N, C-alpha and C. Protein backbone atom coordinates (compact mmCIF):
# COMPACT_ATOMS: atom_id res chain seq x y z
N MET A 1 -10.46 75.10 -60.59
CA MET A 1 -9.70 74.01 -61.25
C MET A 1 -8.46 73.75 -60.36
N SER A 2 -8.39 72.49 -59.89
CA SER A 2 -7.24 72.13 -59.10
C SER A 2 -6.28 71.32 -59.91
N VAL A 3 -5.00 71.58 -59.60
CA VAL A 3 -3.97 70.87 -60.42
C VAL A 3 -3.28 69.91 -59.41
N GLN A 4 -3.43 68.65 -59.77
CA GLN A 4 -2.76 67.62 -58.93
C GLN A 4 -1.29 67.45 -59.38
N PRO A 5 -0.41 67.45 -58.55
CA PRO A 5 0.95 67.12 -59.00
C PRO A 5 1.10 65.77 -59.56
N GLU A 6 1.83 65.65 -60.63
CA GLU A 6 2.04 64.32 -61.21
C GLU A 6 3.00 63.56 -60.28
N THR A 7 2.65 62.34 -60.00
CA THR A 7 3.51 61.51 -59.23
C THR A 7 4.41 60.66 -60.15
N SER A 8 5.68 60.84 -60.05
CA SER A 8 6.52 60.10 -60.89
C SER A 8 7.00 58.85 -60.13
N PRO A 9 7.42 57.80 -60.87
CA PRO A 9 7.84 56.57 -60.22
C PRO A 9 9.03 56.89 -59.29
N ARG A 10 9.16 56.08 -58.31
CA ARG A 10 10.31 56.26 -57.36
C ARG A 10 11.60 55.99 -58.17
N PRO A 11 12.73 56.53 -57.73
CA PRO A 11 13.95 56.37 -58.45
C PRO A 11 14.26 54.95 -58.74
N VAL A 12 13.96 53.99 -57.76
CA VAL A 12 14.25 52.55 -57.90
C VAL A 12 13.42 51.99 -59.09
N GLU A 13 12.10 52.32 -59.16
CA GLU A 13 11.31 51.79 -60.25
C GLU A 13 11.78 52.48 -61.55
N ARG A 14 12.10 53.77 -61.51
CA ARG A 14 12.49 54.44 -62.75
C ARG A 14 13.82 53.82 -63.29
N PHE A 15 14.75 53.50 -62.46
CA PHE A 15 15.98 52.90 -62.83
C PHE A 15 15.74 51.53 -63.55
N HIS A 16 14.88 50.73 -62.88
CA HIS A 16 14.57 49.46 -63.47
C HIS A 16 13.82 49.58 -64.75
N ARG A 17 12.90 50.47 -64.87
CA ARG A 17 12.18 50.69 -66.11
C ARG A 17 13.12 51.11 -67.29
N LEU A 18 14.03 52.02 -66.92
CA LEU A 18 15.01 52.45 -67.92
C LEU A 18 15.89 51.28 -68.45
N CYS A 19 16.31 50.39 -67.54
CA CYS A 19 17.06 49.22 -67.91
C CYS A 19 16.22 48.35 -68.81
N GLU A 20 15.03 48.11 -68.43
CA GLU A 20 14.17 47.23 -69.22
C GLU A 20 13.91 47.81 -70.66
N ALA A 21 13.68 49.18 -70.73
CA ALA A 21 13.49 49.79 -71.97
C ALA A 21 14.70 49.71 -72.85
N ALA A 22 15.83 50.00 -72.29
CA ALA A 22 17.12 49.88 -73.07
C ALA A 22 17.33 48.52 -73.55
N VAL A 23 17.13 47.52 -72.72
CA VAL A 23 17.34 46.08 -73.22
C VAL A 23 16.37 45.75 -74.21
N ALA A 24 15.10 46.25 -74.10
CA ALA A 24 14.11 45.92 -75.17
C ALA A 24 14.47 46.43 -76.51
N ARG A 25 15.30 47.42 -76.58
CA ARG A 25 15.72 48.05 -77.89
C ARG A 25 16.98 47.38 -78.42
N LEU A 26 17.60 46.41 -77.86
CA LEU A 26 18.77 45.82 -78.38
C LEU A 26 18.48 45.08 -79.65
N PRO A 27 19.39 45.18 -80.60
CA PRO A 27 19.18 44.51 -81.93
C PRO A 27 19.52 43.08 -81.87
N LEU A 28 19.18 42.38 -82.93
CA LEU A 28 19.60 41.01 -83.24
C LEU A 28 19.15 40.01 -82.17
N GLY A 29 18.00 40.27 -81.56
CA GLY A 29 17.49 39.26 -80.58
C GLY A 29 18.19 39.28 -79.25
N LEU A 30 19.12 40.28 -79.08
CA LEU A 30 19.92 40.31 -77.77
C LEU A 30 19.00 40.66 -76.62
N ASP A 31 17.80 41.22 -76.87
CA ASP A 31 16.87 41.47 -75.79
C ASP A 31 16.41 40.24 -75.05
N SER A 32 16.47 39.10 -75.77
CA SER A 32 16.05 37.81 -75.20
C SER A 32 17.21 37.18 -74.44
N ILE A 33 18.38 37.70 -74.64
CA ILE A 33 19.62 37.08 -73.94
C ILE A 33 20.08 37.96 -72.78
N VAL A 34 20.04 39.31 -72.96
CA VAL A 34 20.52 40.24 -71.94
C VAL A 34 19.47 40.59 -70.97
N ALA A 35 19.79 40.28 -69.70
CA ALA A 35 18.74 40.63 -68.59
C ALA A 35 18.87 42.13 -68.30
N PRO A 36 17.80 42.74 -67.92
CA PRO A 36 17.82 44.13 -67.46
C PRO A 36 18.84 44.35 -66.31
N THR A 37 18.88 43.34 -65.39
CA THR A 37 19.79 43.42 -64.28
C THR A 37 21.29 43.45 -64.74
N PHE A 38 21.49 42.85 -65.92
CA PHE A 38 22.89 42.97 -66.39
C PHE A 38 23.26 44.37 -66.76
N LEU A 39 22.35 44.97 -67.55
CA LEU A 39 22.61 46.39 -67.92
C LEU A 39 22.70 47.22 -66.65
N GLY A 40 21.78 47.00 -65.71
CA GLY A 40 21.81 47.80 -64.41
C GLY A 40 23.16 47.61 -63.68
N PHE A 41 23.62 46.35 -63.73
CA PHE A 41 24.95 46.03 -63.11
C PHE A 41 26.04 46.80 -63.80
N ILE A 42 26.03 46.83 -65.17
CA ILE A 42 27.09 47.56 -65.91
C ILE A 42 27.00 49.02 -65.54
N VAL A 43 25.85 49.66 -65.52
CA VAL A 43 25.77 51.08 -65.25
C VAL A 43 26.25 51.34 -63.85
N LEU A 44 25.70 50.64 -62.83
CA LEU A 44 26.07 50.94 -61.43
C LEU A 44 27.52 50.60 -61.20
N ASN A 45 27.95 49.51 -61.68
CA ASN A 45 29.36 49.15 -61.35
C ASN A 45 30.39 49.92 -62.17
N SER A 46 29.97 50.50 -63.32
CA SER A 46 30.92 51.49 -63.94
C SER A 46 31.12 52.69 -63.04
N CYS A 47 29.98 53.15 -62.39
CA CYS A 47 30.15 54.30 -61.50
C CYS A 47 31.04 53.88 -60.28
N THR A 48 30.83 52.72 -59.73
CA THR A 48 31.62 52.28 -58.60
C THR A 48 33.05 52.02 -58.92
N PHE A 49 33.21 51.55 -60.18
CA PHE A 49 34.62 51.35 -60.64
C PHE A 49 35.29 52.65 -60.83
N ALA A 50 34.61 53.63 -61.23
CA ALA A 50 35.24 55.01 -61.38
C ALA A 50 35.65 55.49 -59.94
N VAL A 51 34.76 55.27 -58.95
CA VAL A 51 35.08 55.60 -57.59
C VAL A 51 36.36 54.86 -57.14
N ASP A 52 36.43 53.60 -57.48
CA ASP A 52 37.55 52.78 -57.13
C ASP A 52 38.88 53.41 -57.77
N LEU A 53 38.83 53.67 -59.06
CA LEU A 53 39.99 54.29 -59.67
C LEU A 53 40.43 55.66 -59.15
N VAL A 54 39.45 56.48 -58.86
CA VAL A 54 39.69 57.78 -58.36
C VAL A 54 40.48 57.67 -56.95
N LEU A 55 39.82 56.80 -56.12
CA LEU A 55 40.50 56.60 -54.81
C LEU A 55 41.82 55.95 -54.87
N LEU A 56 42.00 55.00 -55.84
CA LEU A 56 43.26 54.37 -56.05
C LEU A 56 44.30 55.41 -56.54
N THR A 57 43.94 56.29 -57.42
CA THR A 57 44.81 57.32 -57.91
C THR A 57 45.20 58.29 -56.80
N LEU A 58 44.23 58.72 -55.97
CA LEU A 58 44.47 59.60 -54.88
C LEU A 58 45.41 58.99 -53.87
N LEU A 59 45.17 57.77 -53.48
CA LEU A 59 45.94 57.08 -52.50
C LEU A 59 47.31 56.78 -52.98
N HIS A 60 47.47 56.11 -54.07
CA HIS A 60 48.78 55.58 -54.59
C HIS A 60 49.52 56.64 -55.31
N GLY A 61 48.86 57.31 -56.25
CA GLY A 61 49.51 58.32 -57.11
C GLY A 61 49.73 59.62 -56.29
N GLY A 62 48.74 60.01 -55.51
CA GLY A 62 48.81 61.27 -54.83
C GLY A 62 49.55 61.25 -53.51
N LEU A 63 49.16 60.34 -52.66
CA LEU A 63 49.55 60.23 -51.27
C LEU A 63 50.77 59.25 -51.10
N GLY A 64 51.08 58.46 -52.14
CA GLY A 64 52.17 57.51 -52.12
C GLY A 64 51.97 56.35 -51.28
N VAL A 65 50.69 55.97 -51.00
CA VAL A 65 50.39 54.80 -50.21
C VAL A 65 50.81 53.58 -51.05
N ALA A 66 51.29 52.52 -50.44
CA ALA A 66 51.73 51.31 -51.14
C ALA A 66 50.62 50.73 -51.93
N LEU A 67 50.90 50.26 -53.16
CA LEU A 67 49.83 49.81 -54.07
C LEU A 67 48.89 48.78 -53.44
N PRO A 68 49.35 47.72 -52.76
CA PRO A 68 48.38 46.76 -52.17
C PRO A 68 47.42 47.44 -51.19
N VAL A 69 47.91 48.35 -50.39
CA VAL A 69 47.05 49.03 -49.45
C VAL A 69 46.08 49.95 -50.12
N ALA A 70 46.56 50.67 -51.16
CA ALA A 70 45.74 51.65 -51.91
C ALA A 70 44.62 50.81 -52.63
N VAL A 71 44.98 49.75 -53.27
CA VAL A 71 44.03 48.98 -53.94
C VAL A 71 42.93 48.36 -53.03
N THR A 72 43.37 47.99 -51.81
CA THR A 72 42.48 47.43 -50.78
C THR A 72 41.49 48.45 -50.27
N VAL A 73 42.04 49.66 -49.88
CA VAL A 73 41.10 50.70 -49.39
C VAL A 73 40.11 51.14 -50.43
N ALA A 74 40.63 51.41 -51.66
CA ALA A 74 39.81 51.86 -52.77
C ALA A 74 38.71 50.83 -53.14
N TYR A 75 39.09 49.57 -53.10
CA TYR A 75 38.21 48.45 -53.46
C TYR A 75 37.13 48.27 -52.34
N ALA A 76 37.55 48.41 -51.06
CA ALA A 76 36.58 48.26 -49.99
C ALA A 76 35.48 49.27 -50.06
N CYS A 77 35.86 50.52 -50.38
CA CYS A 77 34.87 51.60 -50.52
C CYS A 77 33.94 51.27 -51.68
N ALA A 78 34.56 50.93 -52.81
CA ALA A 78 33.79 50.68 -54.08
C ALA A 78 32.84 49.48 -53.94
N PHE A 79 33.32 48.43 -53.27
CA PHE A 79 32.42 47.21 -53.21
C PHE A 79 31.31 47.39 -52.22
N THR A 80 31.47 48.20 -51.21
CA THR A 80 30.40 48.49 -50.30
C THR A 80 29.42 49.32 -51.00
N LEU A 81 29.78 50.38 -51.80
CA LEU A 81 28.88 51.20 -52.52
C LEU A 81 28.16 50.31 -53.57
N SER A 82 28.86 49.39 -54.24
CA SER A 82 28.27 48.55 -55.32
C SER A 82 27.18 47.70 -54.61
N TYR A 83 27.49 47.14 -53.48
CA TYR A 83 26.41 46.29 -52.81
C TYR A 83 25.15 47.03 -52.61
N PHE A 84 25.23 48.22 -52.01
CA PHE A 84 24.03 48.97 -51.62
C PHE A 84 23.31 49.41 -52.95
N LEU A 85 24.06 49.89 -53.93
CA LEU A 85 23.42 50.40 -55.13
C LEU A 85 22.68 49.24 -55.91
N ASN A 86 23.40 48.05 -56.03
CA ASN A 86 22.75 46.95 -56.64
C ASN A 86 21.61 46.32 -55.83
N ARG A 87 21.77 46.32 -54.53
CA ARG A 87 20.68 45.79 -53.69
C ARG A 87 19.38 46.66 -53.88
N ILE A 88 19.57 47.91 -53.84
CA ILE A 88 18.36 48.86 -53.93
C ILE A 88 17.84 49.06 -55.28
N LEU A 89 18.68 49.45 -56.24
CA LEU A 89 18.29 49.87 -57.59
C LEU A 89 18.13 48.81 -58.55
N ASN A 90 19.09 47.83 -58.55
CA ASN A 90 19.16 46.83 -59.63
C ASN A 90 18.37 45.57 -59.25
N PHE A 91 18.72 44.92 -58.16
CA PHE A 91 18.14 43.64 -57.87
C PHE A 91 16.88 43.84 -56.92
N ARG A 92 16.68 45.02 -56.43
CA ARG A 92 15.57 45.41 -55.61
C ARG A 92 15.25 44.34 -54.52
N SER A 93 16.30 43.99 -53.81
CA SER A 93 16.22 42.96 -52.80
C SER A 93 15.57 43.46 -51.47
N HIS A 94 14.76 42.64 -50.97
CA HIS A 94 14.13 42.93 -49.64
C HIS A 94 14.61 41.92 -48.53
N ALA A 95 15.55 41.09 -48.87
CA ALA A 95 16.05 40.09 -47.99
C ALA A 95 16.71 40.79 -46.84
N ALA A 96 16.96 40.11 -45.68
CA ALA A 96 17.66 40.64 -44.54
C ALA A 96 19.09 40.98 -44.99
N VAL A 97 19.52 42.23 -44.58
CA VAL A 97 20.79 42.78 -45.00
C VAL A 97 21.95 41.89 -44.44
N GLY A 98 21.90 41.59 -43.18
CA GLY A 98 23.01 40.91 -42.50
C GLY A 98 23.43 39.61 -43.20
N PRO A 99 22.61 38.62 -43.35
CA PRO A 99 23.00 37.32 -43.96
C PRO A 99 23.43 37.58 -45.46
N GLN A 100 22.68 38.47 -46.13
CA GLN A 100 22.95 38.74 -47.54
C GLN A 100 24.33 39.44 -47.67
N PHE A 101 24.57 40.35 -46.81
CA PHE A 101 25.86 41.04 -46.93
C PHE A 101 27.00 40.06 -46.52
N ALA A 102 26.80 39.18 -45.63
CA ALA A 102 27.78 38.17 -45.24
C ALA A 102 28.14 37.33 -46.51
N VAL A 103 27.16 36.87 -47.27
CA VAL A 103 27.42 36.13 -48.47
C VAL A 103 28.20 36.99 -49.47
N TYR A 104 27.79 38.24 -49.55
CA TYR A 104 28.47 39.19 -50.49
C TYR A 104 29.93 39.40 -50.12
N VAL A 105 30.25 39.48 -48.86
CA VAL A 105 31.62 39.64 -48.30
C VAL A 105 32.40 38.38 -48.79
N VAL A 106 31.87 37.21 -48.71
CA VAL A 106 32.62 36.02 -49.12
C VAL A 106 32.87 36.04 -50.63
N VAL A 107 31.85 36.40 -51.40
CA VAL A 107 32.01 36.53 -52.85
C VAL A 107 33.05 37.58 -53.20
N VAL A 108 33.03 38.71 -52.49
CA VAL A 108 34.05 39.83 -52.73
C VAL A 108 35.43 39.29 -52.30
N ALA A 109 35.52 38.57 -51.21
CA ALA A 109 36.94 38.13 -50.80
C ALA A 109 37.46 37.20 -51.83
N VAL A 110 36.70 36.35 -52.44
CA VAL A 110 37.23 35.44 -53.51
C VAL A 110 37.60 36.36 -54.71
N ASN A 111 36.78 37.24 -55.07
CA ASN A 111 36.99 38.19 -56.20
C ASN A 111 38.26 39.03 -55.88
N TYR A 112 38.42 39.52 -54.74
CA TYR A 112 39.51 40.36 -54.31
C TYR A 112 40.85 39.61 -54.51
N LEU A 113 40.89 38.38 -53.96
CA LEU A 113 42.12 37.58 -53.98
C LEU A 113 42.55 37.19 -55.40
N ALA A 114 41.46 36.77 -56.17
CA ALA A 114 41.73 36.21 -57.52
C ALA A 114 41.95 37.34 -58.48
N PHE A 115 41.15 38.31 -58.54
CA PHE A 115 41.22 39.32 -59.60
C PHE A 115 41.84 40.64 -59.20
N ILE A 116 41.53 41.21 -58.06
CA ILE A 116 41.96 42.52 -57.67
C ILE A 116 43.39 42.45 -57.39
N LEU A 117 43.78 41.65 -56.33
CA LEU A 117 45.18 41.60 -56.00
C LEU A 117 45.91 40.66 -56.90
N GLY A 118 45.41 39.44 -57.14
CA GLY A 118 46.15 38.46 -58.00
C GLY A 118 46.40 38.93 -59.37
N ALA A 119 45.34 39.13 -60.21
CA ALA A 119 45.51 39.54 -61.55
C ALA A 119 46.21 40.92 -61.70
N CYS A 120 45.72 41.90 -60.89
CA CYS A 120 46.25 43.16 -61.00
C CYS A 120 47.74 43.24 -60.61
N SER A 121 48.12 42.61 -59.53
CA SER A 121 49.54 42.56 -59.12
C SER A 121 50.41 41.76 -60.16
N ALA A 122 49.82 40.71 -60.69
CA ALA A 122 50.63 39.96 -61.67
C ALA A 122 50.88 40.77 -62.96
N LEU A 123 49.88 41.48 -63.36
CA LEU A 123 50.08 42.42 -64.51
C LEU A 123 51.06 43.50 -64.28
N VAL A 124 50.95 44.09 -63.13
CA VAL A 124 51.95 45.15 -62.76
C VAL A 124 53.33 44.55 -62.72
N ALA A 125 53.51 43.33 -62.19
CA ALA A 125 54.76 42.76 -62.12
C ALA A 125 55.35 42.41 -63.54
N LEU A 126 54.42 42.21 -64.49
CA LEU A 126 54.88 42.00 -65.82
C LEU A 126 55.09 43.31 -66.62
N GLY A 127 54.88 44.39 -65.91
CA GLY A 127 55.29 45.72 -66.53
C GLY A 127 54.13 46.45 -67.01
N VAL A 128 52.89 46.03 -66.79
CA VAL A 128 51.69 46.81 -67.23
C VAL A 128 51.48 47.98 -66.24
N GLU A 129 51.17 49.15 -66.72
CA GLU A 129 50.92 50.31 -65.87
C GLU A 129 49.79 49.99 -64.96
N TYR A 130 49.78 50.45 -63.74
CA TYR A 130 48.86 49.97 -62.69
C TYR A 130 47.42 50.37 -63.03
N HIS A 131 47.06 51.43 -63.74
CA HIS A 131 45.74 51.77 -64.09
C HIS A 131 45.26 50.74 -65.10
N LEU A 132 46.04 50.40 -66.09
CA LEU A 132 45.69 49.47 -67.21
C LEU A 132 45.56 48.02 -66.58
N ALA A 133 46.40 47.74 -65.58
CA ALA A 133 46.26 46.41 -64.94
C ALA A 133 44.99 46.29 -64.16
N ARG A 134 44.67 47.41 -63.53
CA ARG A 134 43.37 47.37 -62.73
C ARG A 134 42.23 47.30 -63.65
N ILE A 135 42.20 47.89 -64.81
CA ILE A 135 41.11 47.84 -65.76
C ILE A 135 40.99 46.41 -66.31
N ALA A 136 42.11 45.80 -66.71
CA ALA A 136 42.08 44.41 -67.19
C ALA A 136 41.53 43.53 -66.08
N ALA A 137 41.98 43.65 -64.96
CA ALA A 137 41.49 42.84 -63.83
C ALA A 137 39.99 43.08 -63.61
N GLY A 138 39.60 44.30 -63.79
CA GLY A 138 38.16 44.74 -63.67
C GLY A 138 37.28 44.04 -64.66
N ALA A 139 37.78 43.79 -65.90
CA ALA A 139 36.96 43.07 -66.87
C ALA A 139 36.67 41.66 -66.41
N CYS A 140 37.71 40.95 -65.86
CA CYS A 140 37.51 39.62 -65.33
C CYS A 140 36.50 39.65 -64.12
N GLU A 141 36.76 40.61 -63.30
CA GLU A 141 35.97 40.86 -62.07
C GLU A 141 34.51 40.99 -62.40
N ALA A 142 34.22 41.74 -63.43
CA ALA A 142 32.82 42.06 -63.88
C ALA A 142 32.02 40.79 -64.14
N VAL A 143 32.56 39.92 -64.90
CA VAL A 143 31.87 38.65 -65.23
C VAL A 143 31.59 37.83 -64.02
N TYR A 144 32.60 37.71 -63.19
CA TYR A 144 32.47 36.85 -61.91
C TYR A 144 31.39 37.57 -61.00
N MET A 145 31.54 38.83 -60.72
CA MET A 145 30.71 39.61 -59.80
C MET A 145 29.20 39.59 -60.24
N TYR A 146 28.96 39.86 -61.52
CA TYR A 146 27.56 39.82 -61.93
C TYR A 146 26.97 38.48 -61.72
N SER A 147 27.62 37.46 -62.16
CA SER A 147 27.16 36.04 -61.95
C SER A 147 26.94 35.76 -60.46
N ALA A 148 27.81 36.07 -59.64
CA ALA A 148 27.63 35.86 -58.20
C ALA A 148 26.53 36.69 -57.62
N MET A 149 26.49 37.93 -58.00
CA MET A 149 25.35 38.78 -57.42
C MET A 149 24.02 38.33 -57.88
N ARG A 150 23.86 37.89 -59.15
CA ARG A 150 22.56 37.49 -59.69
C ARG A 150 22.19 36.20 -59.12
N TRP A 151 23.01 35.19 -59.15
CA TRP A 151 22.63 33.81 -58.85
C TRP A 151 22.97 33.36 -57.42
N VAL A 152 23.80 34.17 -56.68
CA VAL A 152 24.10 33.77 -55.31
C VAL A 152 23.62 34.80 -54.29
N VAL A 153 24.17 36.00 -54.34
CA VAL A 153 23.87 37.11 -53.33
C VAL A 153 22.43 37.55 -53.38
N PHE A 154 21.91 37.89 -54.52
CA PHE A 154 20.61 38.44 -54.64
C PHE A 154 19.56 37.41 -55.26
N ARG A 155 19.84 36.20 -55.20
CA ARG A 155 18.98 35.19 -55.80
C ARG A 155 17.62 35.30 -55.09
N ARG A 156 16.65 35.05 -55.89
CA ARG A 156 15.30 35.14 -55.38
C ARG A 156 14.80 33.70 -55.06
N PRO A 157 14.15 33.49 -53.95
CA PRO A 157 13.65 32.14 -53.67
C PRO A 157 12.72 31.67 -54.81
N ALA A 158 12.93 30.44 -55.20
CA ALA A 158 12.08 29.85 -56.23
C ALA A 158 10.81 29.36 -55.55
N THR A 159 9.74 29.65 -56.27
CA THR A 159 8.43 29.05 -55.78
C THR A 159 7.87 28.26 -56.96
N LEU A 160 7.01 27.31 -56.66
CA LEU A 160 6.54 26.44 -57.74
C LEU A 160 5.64 27.27 -58.63
N SER A 161 4.89 28.18 -58.15
CA SER A 161 3.99 28.95 -59.00
C SER A 161 4.26 30.39 -58.88
N GLY A 162 4.26 31.08 -60.03
CA GLY A 162 4.48 32.54 -60.04
C GLY A 162 5.96 32.93 -60.07
N SER A 163 6.88 31.96 -60.24
CA SER A 163 8.25 32.29 -60.30
C SER A 163 8.59 33.01 -61.58
N THR A 164 9.41 34.04 -61.50
CA THR A 164 9.80 34.72 -62.71
C THR A 164 11.12 34.12 -63.23
N ALA A 165 11.69 33.20 -62.50
CA ALA A 165 12.98 32.64 -62.94
C ALA A 165 12.83 31.92 -64.27
N CYS A 166 11.72 31.36 -64.54
CA CYS A 166 11.59 30.57 -65.82
C CYS A 166 10.48 31.25 -66.63
N ARG A 167 10.42 32.47 -66.65
CA ARG A 167 9.32 33.20 -67.36
C ARG A 167 9.97 33.88 -68.55
N THR A 168 9.28 33.83 -69.68
CA THR A 168 9.71 34.55 -70.88
C THR A 168 8.62 35.56 -71.21
N PRO A 169 8.99 36.75 -71.75
CA PRO A 169 7.95 37.71 -72.03
C PRO A 169 6.82 37.21 -72.95
N GLN A 170 7.17 36.32 -73.87
CA GLN A 170 6.15 35.90 -74.81
C GLN A 170 5.24 34.80 -74.32
N THR A 171 5.79 33.93 -73.41
CA THR A 171 5.06 32.72 -73.08
C THR A 171 4.51 32.76 -71.70
N GLY A 172 5.01 33.55 -70.78
CA GLY A 172 4.56 33.44 -69.39
C GLY A 172 5.42 32.32 -68.73
N PRO A 173 4.81 31.72 -67.65
CA PRO A 173 5.54 30.78 -66.99
C PRO A 173 5.74 29.49 -67.83
N VAL A 174 6.96 28.91 -67.67
CA VAL A 174 7.23 27.70 -68.35
C VAL A 174 6.54 26.52 -67.67
N PRO A 175 5.79 25.71 -68.42
CA PRO A 175 5.10 24.63 -67.71
C PRO A 175 6.01 23.64 -67.17
N GLU A 176 5.65 23.08 -66.03
CA GLU A 176 6.42 22.01 -65.41
C GLU A 176 6.19 20.70 -66.15
N THR A 177 7.30 19.93 -66.17
CA THR A 177 7.24 18.65 -66.90
C THR A 177 6.91 17.58 -65.86
N PRO A 178 6.08 16.64 -66.09
CA PRO A 178 5.70 15.56 -65.15
C PRO A 178 6.86 14.67 -64.93
């Protein structure tokens, strides 16, 4: 009697299945609104946000690095980690890394100026503690970054037939209108 080892799905497929299963269990019809990639983004970016805060605390709180420099270094590390985790695990992109990463860098630059430096620095200037300011800026950042990652950075090319962009679980492809 030979025993074959069970083959488990690759971590990428396992992560995506877990997100799909979790979204499918959402109450009040939220499963038809919340995309599995949104949940995946929340999970992955929560981890990278924690990396950001730990690095920020070490640099600014521990080593006394100026806040703008500490924010920049911590954010650069976190955004690079976020790109690769989301590319591999969440959006499962197979596009060329170079052009895709270039688009991501532009998205991140806008995000950095508007939310990370702009909102965070403004809140600190108003007297908000820098950790709380960073968390508040992070909430705004999350909405912007998910939208940009889903519809700009990791967008999938649309095809006339077989596109999942207009597919619902109940109906399959949405028929084209003449």
